[in-house]
N, C-alpha and C. Protein backbone atom coordinates (compact mmCIF):
# COMPACT_ATOMS: atom_id res chain seq x y z
N UNK A 1 2.18 14.98 18.25
CA UNK A 1 1.70 15.27 17.16
C UNK A 1 0.33 15.00 17.00
N UNK A 2 -0.43 15.91 15.49
CA UNK A 2 -1.83 15.60 15.18
C UNK A 2 -1.90 13.96 14.79
N UNK A 3 -3.14 13.85 14.80
CA UNK A 3 -3.54 12.31 14.03
C UNK A 3 -2.90 12.55 12.63
N UNK A 4 -3.04 13.44 11.78
CA UNK A 4 -2.59 13.23 10.52
C UNK A 4 -1.11 13.00 10.53
N UNK A 5 -0.33 13.80 11.18
CA UNK A 5 1.23 13.33 11.29
C UNK A 5 1.35 11.99 11.71
N UNK A 6 0.31 11.43 12.59
CA UNK A 6 1.02 10.08 13.00
C UNK A 6 0.70 9.15 12.27
N UNK A 7 -0.54 9.11 11.33
CA UNK A 7 -0.86 8.56 10.66
C UNK A 7 0.36 8.34 9.34
N UNK A 8 0.48 10.19 8.96
CA UNK A 8 1.53 9.87 8.03
C UNK A 8 3.31 9.58 7.97
N UNK A 9 3.70 9.25 9.40
CA UNK A 9 4.28 8.79 9.75
C UNK A 9 4.56 7.23 10.06
N UNK A 10 3.22 6.80 10.46
CA UNK A 10 3.24 5.11 10.08
C UNK A 10 3.41 4.72 8.57
N UNK A 11 2.80 5.87 7.87
CA UNK A 11 2.74 5.40 6.53
C UNK A 11 4.06 5.47 6.05
N UNK A 12 4.98 6.53 6.77
CA UNK A 12 6.56 6.81 5.84
C UNK A 12 7.09 5.72 6.09
N UNK A 13 7.05 5.14 7.71
CA UNK A 13 8.06 4.19 7.98
C UNK A 13 7.31 2.35 7.73
N UNK A 14 6.66 2.36 7.85
CA UNK A 14 5.65 1.09 6.56
C UNK A 14 6.48 0.98 5.09
N UNK A 15 6.10 1.87 4.33
CA UNK A 15 6.84 1.99 3.25
C UNK A 15 8.12 1.73 3.13
N UNK A 16 9.10 2.32 4.11
CA UNK A 16 10.38 1.51 4.59
C UNK A 16 10.96 0.71 5.22
N UNK A 17 9.99 -0.08 6.08
CA UNK A 17 9.67 -1.17 5.83
C UNK A 17 9.76 -2.34 5.16
N UNK A 18 9.06 -1.81 4.12
CA UNK A 18 8.42 -2.64 3.19
C UNK A 18 9.38 -2.36 1.92
N UNK A 19 10.88 -1.60 1.68
CA UNK A 19 11.85 -1.64 0.99
C UNK A 19 12.40 -2.44 1.62
N UNK A 20 12.91 -2.50 2.69
CA UNK A 20 13.98 -2.85 3.41
C UNK A 20 13.74 -4.66 3.45
N UNK A 21 12.66 -5.23 3.79
CA UNK A 21 11.95 -6.16 3.62
C UNK A 21 12.54 -6.43 2.08
N UNK A 22 12.00 -6.31 0.95
CA UNK A 22 12.25 -6.65 -0.48
C UNK A 22 13.80 -6.86 -0.78
N UNK A 23 14.66 -5.91 0.10
CA UNK A 23 15.80 -5.56 -0.24
C UNK A 23 16.74 -6.78 0.00
N UNK A 24 16.05 -7.35 1.40
CA UNK A 24 16.81 -8.28 2.50
C UNK A 24 16.29 -9.59 1.52
N UNK A 25 15.00 -9.93 0.52
CA UNK A 25 15.00 -11.11 0.02
C UNK A 25 13.65 -11.47 1.22
N UNK A 26 13.15 -11.04 2.02
CA UNK A 26 12.06 -11.64 3.34
C UNK A 26 10.46 -11.39 2.36
N UNK A 27 9.60 -12.39 2.32
CA UNK A 27 8.23 -12.08 1.45
C UNK A 27 7.95 -11.21 2.07
N UNK A 28 7.30 -10.17 1.62
CA UNK A 28 6.01 -9.24 1.57
C UNK A 28 5.07 -9.39 2.77
N UNK A 29 4.70 -10.69 2.36
CA UNK A 29 3.57 -11.54 3.78
C UNK A 29 3.62 -11.25 4.94
N UNK A 30 4.88 -10.98 4.81
CA UNK A 30 5.23 -10.77 6.73
C UNK A 30 4.47 -9.78 6.86
N UNK A 31 4.64 -8.71 6.57
CA UNK A 31 3.94 -7.33 6.76
C UNK A 31 2.85 -7.62 6.91
N UNK A 32 1.93 -8.23 6.39
CA UNK A 32 0.15 -8.44 5.99
C UNK A 32 -0.23 -9.24 7.76
N UNK A 33 0.94 -9.97 8.03
CA UNK A 33 0.83 -10.90 8.96
C UNK A 33 0.96 -10.01 10.53
N UNK A 34 2.12 -9.64 10.32
CA UNK A 34 1.97 -8.43 11.56
C UNK A 34 0.56 -7.52 11.80
N UNK A 35 0.93 -7.05 10.33
CA UNK A 35 -0.62 -6.40 10.45
C UNK A 35 -2.04 -6.80 10.84
N UNK A 36 -2.30 -7.74 10.86
CA UNK A 36 -3.36 -8.44 11.20
C UNK A 36 -3.43 -8.58 12.30
N UNK A 37 -2.86 -8.05 13.05
CA UNK A 37 -2.47 -8.17 14.52
C UNK A 37 -2.82 -7.03 15.68
N UNK A 38 -3.66 -6.72 16.56
CA UNK A 38 -3.68 -5.80 17.09
C UNK A 38 -2.73 -4.89 17.88
N UNK A 39 -2.41 -3.93 18.54
CA UNK A 39 -1.00 -3.09 18.57
C UNK A 39 -0.62 -4.13 20.28
N UNK A 40 -1.67 -4.99 20.61
CA UNK A 40 -2.13 -5.34 22.10
C UNK A 40 -1.89 -6.63 22.04
N UNK A 41 -1.25 -6.64 21.22
CA UNK A 41 -1.24 -8.53 20.47
C UNK A 41 0.36 -8.64 20.60
N UNK A 42 0.60 -9.86 20.32
CA UNK A 42 1.99 -10.59 20.08
C UNK A 42 1.85 -11.72 19.85
N UNK A 43 2.63 -11.80 18.28
CA UNK A 43 2.53 -12.89 17.27
C UNK A 43 3.91 -13.57 17.39
N UNK A 44 3.99 -14.54 18.07
CA UNK A 44 5.46 -15.15 17.85
C UNK A 44 5.25 -16.45 16.20
N UNK A 45 6.41 -16.32 15.28
CA UNK A 45 6.50 -16.93 14.29
C UNK A 45 6.97 -18.21 14.80
N UNK A 46 6.80 -19.31 14.49
CA UNK A 46 7.60 -20.79 14.56
C UNK A 46 8.75 -20.60 13.60
N UNK A 47 9.28 -22.09 13.61
CA UNK A 47 11.03 -21.87 13.25
C UNK A 47 10.38 -21.54 11.63
N UNK A 48 9.34 -22.93 11.84
CA UNK A 48 8.65 -23.36 10.17
C UNK A 48 8.22 -21.77 9.21
N UNK A 49 7.57 -20.73 9.98
CA UNK A 49 7.01 -20.60 9.47
C UNK A 49 8.20 -19.08 8.93
N UNK A 50 8.99 -19.07 9.93
CA UNK A 50 10.60 -17.79 9.71
C UNK A 50 10.80 -18.41 8.19
N UNK A 51 11.30 -19.67 7.98
CA UNK A 51 11.22 -20.11 7.02
C UNK A 51 10.93 -19.63 6.06
N UNK A 52 9.54 -20.16 5.82
CA UNK A 52 8.54 -20.13 4.61
C UNK A 52 8.29 -18.58 4.36
N UNK A 53 8.78 -17.70 4.97
CA UNK A 53 8.38 -16.50 5.07
C UNK A 53 9.87 -15.46 4.84
N UNK A 54 10.78 -16.36 4.34
CA UNK A 54 12.23 -16.11 4.33
C UNK A 54 12.58 -15.32 5.48
N UNK A 55 12.59 -15.16 6.39
CA UNK A 55 13.04 -14.43 7.29
C UNK A 55 14.42 -14.50 7.87
N UNK A 56 14.65 -16.71 7.68
CA UNK A 56 15.36 -16.85 8.11
C UNK A 56 15.72 -18.43 6.80
N UNK A 57 17.19 -18.35 6.84
CA UNK A 57 17.19 -19.47 5.81
C UNK A 57 18.05 -20.61 6.36
N UNK A 58 17.37 -21.01 7.82
CA UNK A 58 18.35 -22.41 8.38
C UNK A 58 17.82 -23.49 8.69
N UNK A 59 17.93 -24.92 8.17
CA UNK A 59 17.16 -25.92 8.58
C UNK A 59 16.68 -25.76 9.93
N UNK A 60 15.67 -26.09 10.32
CA UNK A 60 14.90 -26.24 11.84
C UNK A 60 15.88 -27.79 12.61
N UNK A 61 15.70 -28.66 11.71
CA UNK A 61 16.14 -30.24 11.83
C UNK A 61 17.25 -30.03 12.40
N UNK A 62 18.09 -30.78 13.62
CA UNK A 62 19.37 -30.11 13.70
C UNK A 62 20.02 -31.75 12.89
N UNK A 63 21.48 -31.30 12.60
CA UNK A 63 22.03 -32.48 11.18
C UNK A 63 22.56 -33.50 11.93
N UNK A 64 22.25 -35.01 11.15
CA UNK A 64 22.68 -35.89 12.10
C UNK A 64 24.27 -36.62 11.65
N UNK A 65 24.81 -35.70 10.83
CA UNK A 65 26.03 -35.90 10.15
C UNK A 65 26.81 -34.63 10.67
N UNK A 66 28.09 -35.14 10.95
CA UNK A 66 29.42 -33.81 11.22
C UNK A 66 29.32 -32.97 9.92
N UNK A 67 29.13 -31.77 10.04
CA UNK A 67 28.90 -31.09 9.07
C UNK A 67 30.01 -29.98 8.74
N UNK A 68 31.16 -30.61 9.83
CA UNK A 68 32.26 -29.74 9.64
C UNK A 68 33.22 -30.40 8.70
N UNK A 69 32.65 -30.80 7.90
CA UNK A 69 33.64 -31.78 7.03
C UNK A 69 32.68 -31.80 5.65
N UNK A 70 31.48 -30.80 5.64
CA UNK A 70 30.65 -30.72 4.04
C UNK A 70 30.69 -29.39 4.02
N UNK A 71 30.92 -29.09 2.64
CA UNK A 71 30.66 -27.96 1.96
C UNK A 71 29.29 -27.07 2.59
N UNK A 72 29.76 -25.99 2.47
CA UNK A 72 27.96 -25.18 2.86
C UNK A 72 27.05 -25.15 1.60
N UNK A 73 25.80 -25.12 2.20
CA UNK A 73 25.08 -25.67 0.80
C UNK A 73 24.73 -23.74 0.57
N UNK A 74 24.35 -23.56 -1.09
CA UNK A 74 24.62 -22.02 -1.63
C UNK A 74 22.70 -22.29 -0.49
N UNK A 75 22.61 -20.73 -0.03
CA UNK A 75 21.45 -20.20 -0.29
C UNK A 75 20.35 -20.29 -0.72
N UNK A 76 19.58 -20.52 -1.27
CA UNK A 76 18.06 -20.95 -2.16
C UNK A 76 17.52 -19.56 -2.61
N UNK A 77 17.56 -19.79 -3.57
CA UNK A 77 16.69 -18.55 -4.03
C UNK A 77 15.38 -18.41 -3.59
N UNK A 78 14.94 -17.18 -3.42
CA UNK A 78 14.05 -17.11 -3.07
C UNK A 78 12.81 -17.32 -3.97
N UNK A 79 11.55 -17.95 -3.32
CA UNK A 79 10.27 -18.26 -4.01
C UNK A 79 9.69 -17.54 -4.92
N UNK A 80 9.31 -17.56 -6.11
CA UNK A 80 8.90 -16.55 -6.57
C UNK A 80 7.36 -16.65 -6.63
N UNK A 81 6.44 -15.28 -6.48
CA UNK A 81 4.85 -15.55 -5.88
C UNK A 81 4.28 -16.39 -7.42
N UNK A 82 2.97 -16.97 -7.11
CA UNK A 82 2.65 -17.68 -7.81
C UNK A 82 1.88 -17.06 -9.22
N UNK A 83 1.33 -17.29 -10.12
CA UNK A 83 0.99 -16.68 -10.89
C UNK A 83 -0.31 -16.01 -10.53
N UNK A 84 -1.42 -16.71 -9.89
CA UNK A 84 -2.19 -15.92 -9.15
C UNK A 84 -2.10 -14.65 -8.36
N UNK A 85 -1.35 -14.72 -7.58
CA UNK A 85 -0.38 -13.45 -6.77
C UNK A 85 0.01 -12.51 -7.41
N UNK A 86 0.58 -12.74 -8.35
CA UNK A 86 0.91 -11.32 -9.38
C UNK A 86 0.27 -10.74 -9.97
N UNK A 87 -1.03 -11.98 -10.29
CA UNK A 87 -2.31 -11.44 -10.88
C UNK A 87 -3.08 -10.44 -10.64
N UNK A 88 -2.77 -10.91 -9.23
CA UNK A 88 -4.12 -9.97 -8.17
C UNK A 88 -3.34 -8.86 -7.47
N UNK A 89 -1.43 -9.04 -7.47
CA UNK A 89 -1.26 -7.91 -7.20
C UNK A 89 -1.04 -6.71 -8.50
N UNK A 90 -1.16 -7.16 -9.47
CA UNK A 90 -0.97 -6.44 -10.84
C UNK A 90 -2.45 -5.70 -10.63
N UNK A 91 -3.69 -6.05 -10.45
CA UNK A 91 -4.45 -5.57 -10.68
C UNK A 91 -5.17 -4.30 -9.63
N UNK A 92 -4.47 -5.42 -8.02
CA UNK A 92 -4.55 -3.71 -7.44
C UNK A 92 -3.49 -2.67 -7.65
N UNK A 93 -2.47 -2.96 -8.40
CA UNK A 93 -1.56 -1.50 -9.00
C UNK A 93 -2.69 -0.81 -9.67
N UNK A 94 -3.25 -1.41 -10.90
CA UNK A 94 -3.39 -1.02 -11.64
C UNK A 94 -5.13 -0.75 -11.17
N UNK A 95 -6.17 -1.46 -10.42
CA UNK A 95 -7.05 -0.29 -9.74
C UNK A 95 -6.64 0.91 -8.96
N UNK A 96 -5.69 1.44 -8.43
CA UNK A 96 -5.39 2.07 -7.19
C UNK A 96 -4.53 2.73 -8.53
N UNK A 97 -4.00 2.90 -9.45
CA UNK A 97 -3.20 4.19 -10.73
C UNK A 97 -4.25 4.75 -11.13
N UNK A 98 -5.20 3.48 -11.94
CA UNK A 98 -6.90 4.43 -12.32
C UNK A 98 -6.74 5.12 -11.97
N UNK A 99 -7.57 4.99 -10.23
CA UNK A 99 -8.35 5.60 -9.55
C UNK A 99 -7.58 7.46 -9.36
N UNK A 100 -6.12 6.92 -9.10
CA UNK A 100 -5.32 8.19 -8.82
C UNK A 100 -5.19 9.31 -10.29
N UNK A 101 -5.26 8.36 -11.83
CA UNK A 101 -5.04 9.02 -12.81
C UNK A 101 -6.76 10.26 -12.93
N UNK A 102 -7.59 9.60 -12.43
CA UNK A 102 -9.30 9.95 -12.79
C UNK A 102 -9.41 10.78 -11.91
N UNK A 103 -7.97 11.18 -10.88
CA UNK A 103 -8.44 12.39 -9.94
C UNK A 103 -8.14 13.51 -11.05
N UNK A 104 -7.59 13.32 -11.72
CA UNK A 104 -7.69 14.60 -12.80
C UNK A 104 -8.53 14.86 -13.70
N UNK A 105 -9.84 14.20 -13.70
CA UNK A 105 -10.65 13.82 -14.48
C UNK A 105 -11.46 15.24 -14.04
N UNK A 106 -12.45 15.66 -14.99
CA UNK A 106 -13.16 16.83 -14.50
C UNK A 106 -13.90 16.42 -13.07
N UNK A 107 -14.03 17.42 -12.49
CA UNK A 107 -15.25 17.42 -10.97
C UNK A 107 -15.85 16.12 -11.30
N UNK A 108 -17.33 15.72 -12.02
CA UNK A 108 -18.18 15.02 -12.00
C UNK A 108 -17.44 13.54 -12.41
N UNK A 109 -16.89 13.68 -13.75
CA UNK A 109 -16.03 12.14 -13.32
C UNK A 109 -15.06 11.73 -12.46
N UNK A 110 -14.97 12.51 -12.14
CA UNK A 110 -13.94 12.09 -10.67
C UNK A 110 -14.49 11.89 -9.03
N UNK A 111 -15.81 12.26 -9.34
CA UNK A 111 -16.75 12.11 -7.88
C UNK A 111 -17.09 10.78 -8.70
N UNK A 112 -17.48 10.71 -9.60
CA UNK A 112 -18.20 9.40 -10.12
C UNK A 112 -17.54 8.15 -9.92
N UNK A 113 -16.04 8.28 -9.74
CA UNK A 113 -14.99 7.24 -10.30
C UNK A 113 -14.75 7.00 -8.38
N UNK A 114 -14.77 7.91 -7.33
CA UNK A 114 -14.28 7.91 -6.03
C UNK A 114 -15.75 6.80 -5.61
N UNK A 115 -17.06 7.15 -6.17
CA UNK A 115 -18.41 6.90 -5.50
C UNK A 115 -18.29 5.56 -5.76
N UNK A 116 -17.97 5.35 -6.93
CA UNK A 116 -17.54 3.33 -7.76
C UNK A 116 -16.34 2.66 -7.13
N UNK A 117 -15.46 3.70 -6.46
CA UNK A 117 -13.93 2.89 -5.78
C UNK A 117 -14.49 2.52 -3.90
N UNK A 118 -14.57 3.77 -3.58
CA UNK A 118 -15.01 3.28 -1.95
C UNK A 118 -16.11 2.90 -1.46
N UNK A 119 -15.82 1.71 -0.49
CA UNK A 119 -16.32 1.37 0.26
C UNK A 119 -17.55 2.04 1.70
N UNK A 120 -18.55 1.61 1.73
CA UNK A 120 -19.38 2.81 2.53
C UNK A 120 -19.19 3.12 3.80
N UNK A 121 -17.69 2.80 4.79
CA UNK A 121 -17.02 3.39 5.34
C UNK A 121 -15.52 3.00 5.47
N UNK A 122 -14.71 3.99 5.18
CA UNK A 122 -13.53 3.79 5.13
C UNK A 122 -12.21 4.29 6.11
N UNK A 123 -11.74 4.10 6.39
CA UNK A 123 -10.23 4.28 7.29
C UNK A 123 -9.93 6.05 6.39
N UNK A 124 -9.88 6.74 6.46
CA UNK A 124 -10.14 7.67 6.12
C UNK A 124 -8.95 8.73 6.28
N UNK A 125 -7.89 8.55 6.07
CA UNK A 125 -6.81 9.51 7.48
C UNK A 125 -6.36 9.08 8.68
N UNK A 126 -7.08 8.22 8.76
CA UNK A 126 -7.07 7.60 10.19
C UNK A 126 -8.24 7.41 10.88
N UNK A 127 -9.18 7.96 10.13
CA UNK A 127 -10.98 8.22 10.89
C UNK A 127 -11.38 7.37 10.34
N UNK A 128 -12.46 6.66 10.69
CA UNK A 128 -14.12 6.08 10.09
C UNK A 128 -14.53 7.21 9.09
N UNK A 129 -14.27 7.24 8.25
CA UNK A 129 -15.61 7.90 7.63
C UNK A 129 -16.54 7.38 6.42
N UNK A 130 -17.53 7.88 6.66
CA UNK A 130 -18.36 7.00 5.59
C UNK A 130 -18.43 7.63 4.15
N UNK A 131 -18.77 7.28 3.40
CA UNK A 131 -18.50 7.10 1.36
C UNK A 131 -18.99 8.95 1.43
N UNK A 132 -20.38 9.18 1.83
CA UNK A 132 -21.04 10.74 1.82
C UNK A 132 -19.56 11.84 2.19
N UNK A 133 -19.27 11.52 3.07
CA UNK A 133 -18.55 12.36 4.26
C UNK A 133 -16.79 12.27 2.99
N UNK A 134 -16.54 11.46 2.48
CA UNK A 134 -15.58 11.47 1.57
C UNK A 134 -15.71 11.76 0.24
N UNK A 135 -17.22 11.85 -0.20
CA UNK A 135 -17.46 12.37 -1.53
C UNK A 135 -17.23 14.11 -1.54
N UNK A 136 -17.81 14.80 -0.31
CA UNK A 136 -17.92 15.81 0.17
C UNK A 136 -16.66 16.27 0.52
N UNK A 137 -15.96 15.66 0.84
CA UNK A 137 -14.62 16.21 0.88
C UNK A 137 -13.42 16.17 -0.53
N UNK A 138 -13.97 15.45 -1.08
CA UNK A 138 -13.36 15.05 -2.34
C UNK A 138 -13.79 16.12 -3.56
N UNK A 139 -14.77 16.34 -3.48
CA UNK A 139 -15.87 17.66 -4.28
C UNK A 139 -15.20 18.99 -3.78
N UNK A 140 -15.37 19.04 -2.55
CA UNK A 140 -14.41 20.18 -2.25
C UNK A 140 -13.24 20.69 -2.74
N UNK A 141 -12.30 19.30 -3.23
CA UNK A 141 -10.76 19.70 -3.05
C UNK A 141 -11.08 20.35 -4.76
N UNK A 142 -11.98 19.26 -5.81
CA UNK A 142 -11.79 19.28 -6.89
C UNK A 142 -12.30 20.71 -7.48
N UNK A 143 -13.25 20.99 -6.53
CA UNK A 143 -13.69 22.59 -6.80
C UNK A 143 -12.21 23.86 -6.77
N UNK A 144 -12.39 23.51 -5.84
CA UNK A 144 -10.64 24.74 -5.67
C UNK A 144 -10.00 24.46 -6.38
N UNK A 145 -9.78 23.67 -6.71
CA UNK A 145 -8.35 22.43 -7.84
C UNK A 145 -9.28 22.30 -8.95
N UNK A 146 -9.84 23.06 -9.92
CA UNK A 146 -10.83 22.57 -11.09
C UNK A 146 -9.60 21.97 -12.22
N UNK A 147 -8.24 22.42 -12.45
CA UNK A 147 -7.34 21.56 -12.99
C UNK A 147 -6.29 20.94 -12.35
N UNK A 148 -6.36 19.76 -12.76
CA UNK A 148 -5.53 18.16 -11.70
C UNK A 148 -4.57 17.87 -12.79
N UNK A 149 -3.49 17.50 -12.48
CA UNK A 149 -2.66 16.58 -13.10
C UNK A 149 -1.92 15.60 -12.05
N UNK A 150 -1.66 13.95 -12.22
CA UNK A 150 -0.95 13.10 -11.61
C UNK A 150 -0.41 12.44 -12.47
N UNK A 151 0.53 11.99 -11.73
CA UNK A 151 2.06 11.39 -12.54
C UNK A 151 2.51 10.11 -11.44
N UNK A 152 2.11 9.19 -11.57
CA UNK A 152 2.52 7.89 -10.42
C UNK A 152 3.70 7.06 -11.10
N UNK A 153 4.34 7.64 -9.63
CA UNK A 153 5.98 7.22 -10.10
C UNK A 153 5.60 5.63 -10.00
N UNK A 154 5.79 4.65 -11.06
CA UNK A 154 5.67 3.12 -11.16
C UNK A 154 7.06 2.48 -10.25
N UNK A 155 8.31 2.87 -10.56
CA UNK A 155 9.04 2.16 -9.50
C UNK A 155 9.11 2.21 -7.60
N UNK A 156 8.11 3.30 -7.52
CA UNK A 156 8.12 3.83 -6.17
C UNK A 156 6.91 2.56 -5.63
N UNK A 157 6.00 2.05 -6.34
CA UNK A 157 4.48 1.00 -5.95
C UNK A 157 5.31 0.28 -5.15
N UNK A 158 4.62 0.01 -4.10
CA UNK A 158 5.00 -1.44 -3.75
C UNK A 158 3.38 -2.02 -3.04
N UNK A 159 3.31 -3.55 -3.53
CA UNK A 159 2.04 -3.97 -3.06
C UNK A 159 2.16 -5.09 -2.44
N UNK A 160 1.23 -5.23 -1.68
CA UNK A 160 1.32 -6.61 -0.74
C UNK A 160 -0.24 -6.85 -0.43
N UNK A 161 -0.38 -8.37 -1.14
CA UNK A 161 -2.07 -9.07 -0.79
C UNK A 161 -1.58 -10.29 0.38
N UNK A 162 -3.43 -10.26 0.87
CA UNK A 162 -3.06 -11.47 1.76
C UNK A 162 -4.67 -11.09 2.37
N UNK A 163 -5.22 -12.27 2.87
CA UNK A 163 -6.76 -12.44 3.67
C UNK A 163 -7.56 -11.26 2.96
N UNK A 164 -7.74 -11.02 1.97
CA UNK A 164 -8.59 -10.51 0.76
C UNK A 164 -8.44 -9.32 1.24
N UNK A 165 -7.07 -8.93 0.95
CA UNK A 165 -6.83 -7.41 1.30
C UNK A 165 -5.40 -7.22 0.67
N UNK A 166 -5.19 -5.89 -0.25
CA UNK A 166 -4.34 -5.34 -0.81
C UNK A 166 -4.20 -4.24 -0.44
N UNK A 167 -2.81 -3.74 -0.12
CA UNK A 167 -2.53 -2.76 0.11
C UNK A 167 -1.14 -2.21 -0.72
N UNK A 168 -1.38 -0.88 -1.08
CA UNK A 168 -0.50 -0.39 -2.41
C UNK A 168 -0.42 0.90 -1.64
N UNK A 169 0.94 1.23 -1.90
CA UNK A 169 1.74 2.32 -1.38
C UNK A 169 2.54 3.09 -2.68
N UNK A 170 3.05 4.08 -2.48
CA UNK A 170 4.15 4.57 -3.49
C UNK A 170 4.13 6.32 -3.36
N UNK A 171 5.03 7.04 -4.99
CA UNK A 171 4.88 8.20 -4.62
C UNK A 171 4.09 8.76 -6.05
N UNK A 172 4.05 9.80 -5.73
CA UNK A 172 3.30 10.39 -7.34
C UNK A 172 3.62 11.91 -7.47
N UNK A 173 3.68 12.44 -8.62
CA UNK A 173 3.87 13.46 -8.78
C UNK A 173 2.45 14.40 -8.74
N UNK A 174 1.96 15.64 -8.03
CA UNK A 174 0.95 16.29 -8.49
C UNK A 174 1.09 18.06 -8.76
N UNK A 175 0.18 18.42 -9.52
CA UNK A 175 -0.35 19.68 -9.95
C UNK A 175 -1.37 20.05 -9.81
N UNK A 176 -1.71 21.13 -9.40
CA UNK A 176 -2.88 21.39 -9.46
C UNK A 176 -3.33 23.20 -9.95
N UNK A 177 -4.26 23.43 -10.28
CA UNK A 177 -4.32 24.66 -10.95
C UNK A 177 -5.86 25.17 -10.95
N UNK A 178 -6.05 26.68 -10.41
CA UNK A 178 -7.34 26.96 -10.31
C UNK A 178 -6.86 29.12 -10.71
N UNK A 179 -7.57 28.87 -12.37
CA UNK A 179 -6.90 30.41 -13.22
C UNK A 179 -7.99 31.32 -12.58
N UNK A 180 -9.70 30.91 -11.99
CA UNK A 180 -10.58 32.13 -10.85
C UNK A 180 -9.74 32.98 -10.56
N UNK A 181 -8.69 31.79 -9.61
CA UNK A 181 -8.07 32.29 -8.00
C UNK A 181 -6.75 32.87 -8.49
N UNK A 182 -6.04 32.22 -9.67
CA UNK A 182 -4.58 33.28 -10.18
C UNK A 182 -3.78 31.75 -8.97
N UNK A 183 -4.00 30.84 -8.91
CA UNK A 183 -3.27 29.97 -7.96
C UNK A 183 -3.11 28.58 -8.72
N UNK A 184 -1.72 28.17 -7.60
CA UNK A 184 -1.14 26.96 -8.68
C UNK A 184 0.19 26.58 -7.39
N UNK A 185 -0.50 25.26 -7.67
CA UNK A 185 0.96 23.96 -6.84
C UNK A 185 1.24 23.19 -7.27
N UNK A 186 2.15 22.54 -6.65
CA UNK A 186 2.69 21.07 -6.95
C UNK A 186 3.65 20.67 -6.22
N UNK A 187 4.06 19.40 -6.93
CA UNK A 187 4.79 18.81 -5.72
C UNK A 187 4.78 17.63 -5.72
N UNK A 188 5.41 16.34 -4.75
CA UNK A 188 5.34 15.08 -4.61
C UNK A 188 4.66 14.75 -3.33
N UNK A 189 3.81 13.50 -3.86
CA UNK A 189 3.37 12.94 -2.17
C UNK A 189 3.15 11.27 -2.14
N UNK A 190 3.22 11.44 -1.10
CA UNK A 190 3.49 9.26 -0.90
C UNK A 190 1.80 9.75 -0.35
N UNK A 191 1.41 7.81 -1.09
CA UNK A 191 0.03 7.78 -0.84
C UNK A 191 0.10 6.01 -0.18
N UNK A 192 -1.07 5.56 0.52
CA UNK A 192 -1.02 4.11 0.79
C UNK A 192 -2.77 4.06 0.99
N UNK A 193 -2.86 2.95 -0.04
CA UNK A 193 -4.17 2.86 -0.24
C UNK A 193 -4.90 0.93 0.20
N UNK A 194 -5.25 0.67 0.95
CA UNK A 194 -6.21 -0.66 1.34
C UNK A 194 -7.65 -0.94 0.37
N UNK A 195 -7.08 -1.96 -0.47
CA UNK A 195 -8.38 -2.25 -0.64
C UNK A 195 -8.80 -3.86 -0.11
N UNK A 196 -10.37 -4.15 -0.11
CA UNK A 196 -10.88 -5.25 -0.18
C UNK A 196 -11.39 -5.88 -1.29
N UNK A 197 -10.31 -7.19 -1.33
CA UNK A 197 -10.73 -8.07 -2.61
C UNK A 197 -12.28 -8.35 -2.77
N UNK A 198 -13.17 -8.48 -4.05
CA UNK A 198 -13.63 -8.85 -3.94
C UNK A 198 -14.58 -9.17 -5.48
N UNK A 199 -15.81 -9.10 -5.61
CA UNK A 199 -16.41 -9.16 -7.15
C UNK A 199 -16.04 -7.77 -7.75
N UNK A 200 -16.30 -6.83 -6.34
CA UNK A 200 -16.06 -5.53 -7.02
C UNK A 200 -15.58 -5.16 -5.85
N UNK A 201 -13.94 -4.60 -6.25
CA UNK A 201 -12.95 -4.50 -5.28
C UNK A 201 -13.45 -3.00 -4.54
N UNK A 202 -13.18 -2.50 -3.61
CA UNK A 202 -13.77 -1.52 -2.87
C UNK A 202 -12.19 -0.96 -1.83
N UNK A 203 -11.98 0.42 -1.60
CA UNK A 203 -10.72 1.19 -0.93
C UNK A 203 -11.74 0.95 0.52
N UNK A 204 -10.97 0.66 1.52
CA UNK A 204 -11.33 0.48 2.65
C UNK A 204 -10.68 1.39 3.86
N UNK A 205 -9.34 1.80 3.26
CA UNK A 205 -8.10 3.03 3.89
C UNK A 205 -7.63 3.75 2.82
N UNK A 206 -7.77 5.01 3.24
CA UNK A 206 -6.63 5.71 2.22
C UNK A 206 -5.94 6.86 3.52
N UNK A 207 -4.53 7.09 2.76
CA UNK A 207 -3.88 8.16 3.69
C UNK A 207 -3.08 8.39 2.27
N UNK A 208 -2.69 9.87 2.32
CA UNK A 208 -1.14 10.52 1.61
C UNK A 208 -0.82 11.62 2.85
N UNK A 209 0.72 12.03 2.13
CA UNK A 209 1.38 12.92 2.74
C UNK A 209 1.76 13.53 1.38
N UNK A 210 2.20 14.96 1.61
CA UNK A 210 2.57 15.83 0.57
C UNK A 210 3.95 15.57 1.16
N UNK A 211 4.83 15.60 0.56
CA UNK A 211 6.63 15.13 0.51
C UNK A 211 7.18 16.45 0.35
N UNK A 212 6.92 17.29 -0.57
CA UNK A 212 7.69 18.50 -0.80
C UNK A 212 6.57 19.15 -2.35
């Protein structure tokens, strides 16, 4: 398969994994741990780490009493994210939502938003790409489709923050139109952005795939 297809497939699988982890009550930080290691590395979780990340809910200390006569303890409820974590995640989602919505502005405003939001070098659809090349690519698209509209599916958004990075993924409806060319297109796309958290947040990775 092509590089774009491979990146899109990885993105789709990652979103499925994140959804499954959420369904099973596993801490999403587990994905951040996994993504922080190279594909040639292997990272074994300790029993305490598995318990902390809610992969398991079994005590790591052997019981000192006969548990056959003891009623089983109820599974503890998953620990909620701290206020700071929730605030960071909300800020990351708002940042990406604003970026996507600004793509519907006129070309000059949309380009200005891109220039302010992206790092100097970005993992852009699987390739390290400098900001000037990204701006040229976005400008070409905006000029090709002067009228653009985007509607984010709020319920689809998944956000994971760790090690001063936030990954935000989800889906949105899109419609583009060019009256001079008598062309119009619309559909649904899956997106994924990674943000470097700092005094001025910057996008360091982007990919997306049209689903239909």
